[in-house]
């Protein structure tokens, strides 16, 4: 019996897009494949930077900006899958990723004998 562990690392500037992506993938994969899901929430990365408003006249006037990157790791354990369905899974998830979500995909195969 073969088991595939599908690990997705998802990054986005807003958590709404991550939730929407995960719900869409689960909705599309559930009729075809049964899987166990495990979500790991990673800490968000906050980047702050300061910009001068006017470099000539008023040096003390500054604007501050910040960018937050939300991250999540999702593991799906898919039992009893044939080798020919591994590539459609990869292409399916690549097609679903849009510009608002960055996806890194890692597929691990393991064979378990009963």
N, C-alpha and C. Protein backbone atom coordinates (compact mmCIF):
# COMPACT_ATOMS: atom_id res chain seq x y z
N UNK A 1 0.84 -1.17 0.00
CA UNK A 1 0.00 0.00 0.00
C UNK A 1 0.89 1.24 0.00
N UNK A 2 0.62 2.15 -0.90
CA UNK A 2 1.43 3.35 -0.98
C UNK A 2 0.71 4.53 -0.35
N UNK A 3 1.48 5.38 0.27
CA UNK A 3 0.96 6.58 0.92
C UNK A 3 1.73 7.78 0.39
N UNK A 4 1.00 8.82 0.04
CA UNK A 4 1.63 10.05 -0.41
C UNK A 4 1.37 11.12 0.63
N UNK A 5 2.43 11.82 1.03
CA UNK A 5 2.30 12.96 1.93
C UNK A 5 2.54 14.21 1.10
N UNK A 6 1.50 15.00 0.96
CA UNK A 6 1.53 16.21 0.15
C UNK A 6 1.66 17.39 1.11
N UNK A 7 2.78 18.12 1.04
CA UNK A 7 3.03 19.24 1.93
C UNK A 7 3.00 20.53 1.13
N UNK A 8 2.13 21.44 1.54
CA UNK A 8 2.01 22.75 0.89
C UNK A 8 2.45 23.82 1.88
N UNK A 9 3.37 24.67 1.44
CA UNK A 9 3.72 25.84 2.23
C UNK A 9 3.13 27.04 1.51
N UNK A 10 2.22 27.74 2.18
CA UNK A 10 1.47 28.81 1.55
C UNK A 10 1.84 30.13 2.20
N UNK A 11 2.08 31.16 1.37
CA UNK A 11 2.39 32.50 1.85
C UNK A 11 1.47 33.49 1.17
N UNK A 12 1.04 34.49 1.93
CA UNK A 12 0.18 35.53 1.37
C UNK A 12 0.29 36.79 2.23
N UNK A 13 -0.13 37.90 1.65
CA UNK A 13 -0.14 39.16 2.40
C UNK A 13 -1.39 39.30 3.27
N UNK A 14 -2.39 38.46 3.04
CA UNK A 14 -3.61 38.52 3.84
C UNK A 14 -4.09 37.09 4.10
N UNK A 15 -4.50 36.77 5.34
CA UNK A 15 -4.90 35.39 5.63
C UNK A 15 -6.18 34.96 4.91
N UNK A 16 -7.00 35.91 4.47
CA UNK A 16 -8.23 35.57 3.76
C UNK A 16 -7.92 34.78 2.49
N UNK A 17 -6.86 35.16 1.78
CA UNK A 17 -6.51 34.48 0.53
C UNK A 17 -6.01 33.07 0.79
N UNK A 18 -5.34 32.86 1.91
CA UNK A 18 -4.90 31.51 2.26
C UNK A 18 -6.11 30.62 2.55
N UNK A 19 -7.04 31.14 3.35
CA UNK A 19 -8.25 30.36 3.68
C UNK A 19 -9.05 30.04 2.42
N UNK A 20 -9.16 31.01 1.52
CA UNK A 20 -9.92 30.79 0.28
C UNK A 20 -9.24 29.73 -0.60
N UNK A 21 -7.91 29.78 -0.68
CA UNK A 21 -7.17 28.80 -1.47
C UNK A 21 -7.34 27.39 -0.90
N UNK A 22 -7.22 27.24 0.41
CA UNK A 22 -7.34 25.92 1.05
C UNK A 22 -8.75 25.37 0.87
N UNK A 23 -9.76 26.21 1.04
CA UNK A 23 -11.14 25.76 0.88
C UNK A 23 -11.41 25.33 -0.56
N UNK A 24 -10.87 26.05 -1.52
CA UNK A 24 -11.07 25.72 -2.93
C UNK A 24 -10.40 24.38 -3.28
N UNK A 25 -9.19 24.18 -2.80
CA UNK A 25 -8.48 22.92 -3.09
C UNK A 25 -9.19 21.75 -2.43
N UNK A 26 -9.62 21.90 -1.18
CA UNK A 26 -10.32 20.82 -0.49
C UNK A 26 -11.64 20.49 -1.18
N UNK A 27 -12.34 21.52 -1.63
CA UNK A 27 -13.62 21.32 -2.31
C UNK A 27 -13.47 20.56 -3.62
N UNK A 28 -12.37 20.84 -4.33
CA UNK A 28 -12.16 20.19 -5.63
C UNK A 28 -11.56 18.79 -5.49
N UNK A 29 -10.76 18.54 -4.45
CA UNK A 29 -10.11 17.23 -4.30
C UNK A 29 -10.97 16.20 -3.57
N UNK A 30 -11.89 16.63 -2.72
CA UNK A 30 -12.66 15.71 -1.89
C UNK A 30 -13.47 14.68 -2.68
N UNK A 31 -14.11 15.02 -3.81
CA UNK A 31 -14.85 13.98 -4.53
C UNK A 31 -13.96 12.87 -5.12
N UNK A 32 -12.70 13.17 -5.37
CA UNK A 32 -11.81 12.20 -6.03
C UNK A 32 -10.93 11.43 -5.06
N UNK A 33 -10.47 12.08 -4.01
CA UNK A 33 -9.46 11.49 -3.13
C UNK A 33 -9.88 11.71 -1.68
N UNK A 34 -9.71 10.69 -0.85
CA UNK A 34 -9.89 10.88 0.59
C UNK A 34 -8.51 11.12 1.21
N UNK A 35 -8.45 12.09 2.11
CA UNK A 35 -7.16 12.43 2.70
C UNK A 35 -7.36 12.94 4.12
N UNK A 36 -6.28 12.87 4.90
CA UNK A 36 -6.25 13.43 6.24
C UNK A 36 -5.50 14.75 6.18
N UNK A 37 -6.02 15.74 6.89
CA UNK A 37 -5.43 17.08 6.81
C UNK A 37 -4.84 17.49 8.15
N UNK A 38 -3.70 18.17 8.08
CA UNK A 38 -3.06 18.73 9.26
C UNK A 38 -2.55 20.11 8.90
N UNK A 39 -3.04 21.15 9.60
CA UNK A 39 -2.62 22.53 9.32
C UNK A 39 -1.70 23.01 10.43
N UNK A 40 -0.62 23.66 10.02
CA UNK A 40 0.34 24.23 10.95
C UNK A 40 0.43 25.72 10.64
N UNK A 41 0.07 26.54 11.61
CA UNK A 41 0.13 27.98 11.44
C UNK A 41 1.52 28.47 11.84
N UNK A 42 2.19 29.13 10.93
CA UNK A 42 3.52 29.67 11.20
C UNK A 42 3.41 31.14 11.57
N UNK A 43 4.41 31.67 12.28
CA UNK A 43 4.32 33.09 12.66
C UNK A 43 4.44 33.99 11.43
N UNK A 44 3.72 35.10 11.49
CA UNK A 44 3.77 36.03 10.36
C UNK A 44 5.05 36.86 10.43
N UNK A 45 5.53 37.24 9.28
CA UNK A 45 6.75 38.02 9.18
C UNK A 45 6.36 39.48 8.92
N UNK A 46 6.78 40.37 9.80
CA UNK A 46 6.45 41.79 9.67
C UNK A 46 7.72 42.55 9.30
N UNK A 47 7.65 43.27 8.20
CA UNK A 47 8.76 44.09 7.74
C UNK A 47 8.33 45.55 7.80
N UNK A 48 9.07 46.37 8.56
CA UNK A 48 8.75 47.79 8.68
C UNK A 48 9.87 48.61 8.05
N UNK A 49 9.48 49.67 7.37
CA UNK A 49 10.48 50.57 6.81
C UNK A 49 9.97 51.99 6.84
N UNK A 50 10.93 52.94 6.87
CA UNK A 50 10.63 54.37 6.97
C UNK A 50 11.14 55.08 5.73
N UNK A 51 10.33 56.01 5.22
CA UNK A 51 10.68 56.76 4.01
C UNK A 51 10.56 58.25 4.32
N UNK A 52 11.52 59.02 3.85
CA UNK A 52 11.43 60.48 3.98
C UNK A 52 10.34 61.00 3.05
N UNK A 53 9.50 61.90 3.56
CA UNK A 53 8.46 62.48 2.70
C UNK A 53 9.05 63.47 1.70
N UNK A 54 9.91 64.31 2.19
CA UNK A 54 10.54 65.30 1.32
C UNK A 54 12.03 65.33 1.65
N UNK A 55 12.88 64.91 0.76
CA UNK A 55 14.31 64.85 1.08
C UNK A 55 14.99 66.22 1.15
N UNK A 56 14.35 67.27 0.64
CA UNK A 56 15.04 68.56 0.59
C UNK A 56 14.67 69.48 1.75
N UNK A 57 13.38 69.70 1.97
CA UNK A 57 12.96 70.76 2.88
C UNK A 57 12.87 70.26 4.32
N UNK A 58 12.10 69.23 4.55
CA UNK A 58 11.80 68.80 5.91
C UNK A 58 12.32 67.39 6.14
N UNK A 59 13.51 67.30 6.71
CA UNK A 59 14.12 65.98 6.92
C UNK A 59 13.45 65.19 8.04
N UNK A 60 12.76 65.88 8.96
CA UNK A 60 12.16 65.18 10.09
C UNK A 60 10.80 64.59 9.76
N UNK A 61 10.22 64.96 8.64
CA UNK A 61 8.93 64.44 8.24
C UNK A 61 9.13 63.10 7.53
N UNK A 62 8.60 62.06 8.14
CA UNK A 62 8.80 60.71 7.60
C UNK A 62 7.49 59.93 7.60
N UNK A 63 7.43 58.94 6.72
CA UNK A 63 6.28 58.03 6.67
C UNK A 63 6.78 56.63 6.98
N UNK A 64 5.97 55.88 7.71
CA UNK A 64 6.34 54.52 8.06
C UNK A 64 5.34 53.55 7.44
N UNK A 65 5.87 52.47 6.89
CA UNK A 65 5.06 51.44 6.25
C UNK A 65 5.43 50.09 6.84
N UNK A 66 4.51 49.14 6.71
CA UNK A 66 4.82 47.78 7.12
C UNK A 66 4.16 46.79 6.17
N UNK A 67 4.81 45.66 6.04
CA UNK A 67 4.31 44.58 5.19
C UNK A 67 4.27 43.32 6.04
N UNK A 68 3.12 42.64 6.03
CA UNK A 68 2.96 41.41 6.80
C UNK A 68 2.80 40.24 5.83
N UNK A 69 3.56 39.19 6.08
CA UNK A 69 3.46 37.98 5.27
C UNK A 69 2.98 36.86 6.19
N UNK A 70 1.81 36.34 5.90
CA UNK A 70 1.22 35.24 6.66
C UNK A 70 1.63 33.92 6.02
N UNK A 71 1.98 32.94 6.88
CA UNK A 71 2.45 31.65 6.38
C UNK A 71 1.68 30.52 7.04
N UNK A 72 1.50 29.45 6.28
CA UNK A 72 0.83 28.26 6.79
C UNK A 72 1.37 27.04 6.07
N UNK A 73 1.52 25.95 6.79
CA UNK A 73 1.93 24.67 6.20
C UNK A 73 0.76 23.71 6.35
N UNK A 74 0.40 23.07 5.25
CA UNK A 74 -0.69 22.11 5.24
C UNK A 74 -0.15 20.77 4.76
N UNK A 75 -0.41 19.72 5.53
CA UNK A 75 0.00 18.37 5.15
C UNK A 75 -1.24 17.54 4.90
N UNK A 76 -1.26 16.91 3.75
CA UNK A 76 -2.33 15.99 3.41
C UNK A 76 -1.73 14.61 3.25
N UNK A 77 -2.24 13.64 3.99
CA UNK A 77 -1.81 12.25 3.88
C UNK A 77 -2.86 11.54 3.03
N UNK A 78 -2.43 11.05 1.86
CA UNK A 78 -3.34 10.42 0.91
C UNK A 78 -3.00 8.93 0.83
N UNK A 79 -3.83 8.05 1.41
CA UNK A 79 -3.56 6.61 1.33
C UNK A 79 -4.13 6.01 0.05
N UNK A 80 -3.61 4.86 -0.32
CA UNK A 80 -4.13 4.06 -1.45
C UNK A 80 -4.24 4.87 -2.74
N UNK A 81 -3.13 5.38 -3.20
CA UNK A 81 -3.16 6.16 -4.43
C UNK A 81 -2.22 5.50 -5.44
N UNK A 82 -2.60 5.52 -6.69
CA UNK A 82 -1.78 4.93 -7.73
C UNK A 82 -0.71 5.94 -8.17
N UNK A 83 0.33 5.42 -8.79
CA UNK A 83 1.44 6.28 -9.22
C UNK A 83 1.03 7.21 -10.35
N UNK A 84 0.04 6.87 -11.16
CA UNK A 84 -0.31 7.71 -12.30
C UNK A 84 -1.14 8.92 -11.91
N UNK A 85 -1.63 9.01 -10.67
CA UNK A 85 -2.41 10.18 -10.24
C UNK A 85 -1.56 11.23 -9.55
N UNK A 86 -0.26 11.01 -9.42
CA UNK A 86 0.57 11.97 -8.71
C UNK A 86 0.78 13.26 -9.53
N UNK A 87 0.96 13.16 -10.82
CA UNK A 87 1.21 14.35 -11.63
C UNK A 87 -0.04 15.20 -11.82
N UNK A 88 -1.23 14.64 -12.02
CA UNK A 88 -2.42 15.50 -12.06
C UNK A 88 -2.63 16.29 -10.77
N UNK A 89 -2.28 15.71 -9.61
CA UNK A 89 -2.39 16.45 -8.36
C UNK A 89 -1.50 17.68 -8.38
N UNK A 90 -0.27 17.50 -8.84
CA UNK A 90 0.69 18.60 -8.88
C UNK A 90 0.20 19.71 -9.81
N UNK A 91 -0.23 19.36 -11.01
CA UNK A 91 -0.69 20.36 -11.96
C UNK A 91 -1.98 21.01 -11.52
N UNK A 92 -2.84 20.26 -10.85
CA UNK A 92 -4.10 20.80 -10.36
C UNK A 92 -3.85 21.90 -9.32
N UNK A 93 -2.94 21.65 -8.41
CA UNK A 93 -2.64 22.65 -7.37
C UNK A 93 -1.90 23.84 -7.96
N UNK A 94 -1.06 23.62 -8.94
CA UNK A 94 -0.38 24.74 -9.60
C UNK A 94 -1.36 25.63 -10.34
N UNK A 95 -2.38 25.05 -10.95
CA UNK A 95 -3.38 25.84 -11.66
C UNK A 95 -4.21 26.66 -10.68
N UNK A 96 -4.52 26.09 -9.50
CA UNK A 96 -5.35 26.81 -8.53
C UNK A 96 -4.62 27.97 -7.86
N UNK A 97 -3.31 27.94 -7.82
CA UNK A 97 -2.60 29.04 -7.16
C UNK A 97 -2.72 30.30 -8.01
N UNK A 98 -3.11 31.37 -7.37
CA UNK A 98 -3.27 32.63 -8.08
C UNK A 98 -2.18 33.61 -7.65
N UNK A 99 -2.30 34.84 -8.05
CA UNK A 99 -1.25 35.81 -7.75
C UNK A 99 -1.22 36.22 -6.28
N UNK A 100 -2.32 36.06 -5.56
CA UNK A 100 -2.37 36.49 -4.16
C UNK A 100 -1.76 35.46 -3.21
N UNK A 101 -1.50 34.25 -3.67
CA UNK A 101 -0.98 33.19 -2.81
C UNK A 101 0.25 32.58 -3.46
N UNK A 102 1.31 32.47 -2.69
CA UNK A 102 2.50 31.77 -3.14
C UNK A 102 2.49 30.36 -2.57
N UNK A 103 2.71 29.35 -3.42
CA UNK A 103 2.61 27.96 -3.00
C UNK A 103 3.92 27.25 -3.29
N UNK A 104 4.46 26.58 -2.27
CA UNK A 104 5.57 25.66 -2.47
C UNK A 104 5.03 24.26 -2.19
N UNK A 105 5.30 23.35 -3.09
CA UNK A 105 4.74 22.01 -3.01
C UNK A 105 5.85 21.00 -2.82
N UNK A 106 5.65 20.08 -1.88
CA UNK A 106 6.60 19.00 -1.65
C UNK A 106 5.81 17.71 -1.55
N UNK A 107 6.19 16.72 -2.34
CA UNK A 107 5.48 15.44 -2.35
C UNK A 107 6.44 14.36 -1.83
N UNK A 108 5.99 13.59 -0.84
CA UNK A 108 6.78 12.52 -0.27
C UNK A 108 6.02 11.21 -0.47
N UNK A 109 6.71 10.21 -0.98
CA UNK A 109 6.11 8.89 -1.20
C UNK A 109 6.66 7.93 -0.16
N UNK A 110 5.79 7.07 0.31
CA UNK A 110 6.25 6.01 1.20
C UNK A 110 5.42 4.76 0.94
N UNK A 111 6.07 3.64 0.93
CA UNK A 111 5.40 2.36 0.71
C UNK A 111 5.30 1.65 2.05
N UNK A 112 4.09 1.24 2.41
CA UNK A 112 3.88 0.52 3.65
C UNK A 112 3.32 -0.84 3.31
N UNK A 113 3.93 -1.87 3.84
CA UNK A 113 3.47 -3.24 3.62
C UNK A 113 2.63 -3.68 4.81
N UNK A 114 1.55 -4.37 4.50
CA UNK A 114 0.71 -4.91 5.59
C UNK A 114 1.15 -6.30 5.97
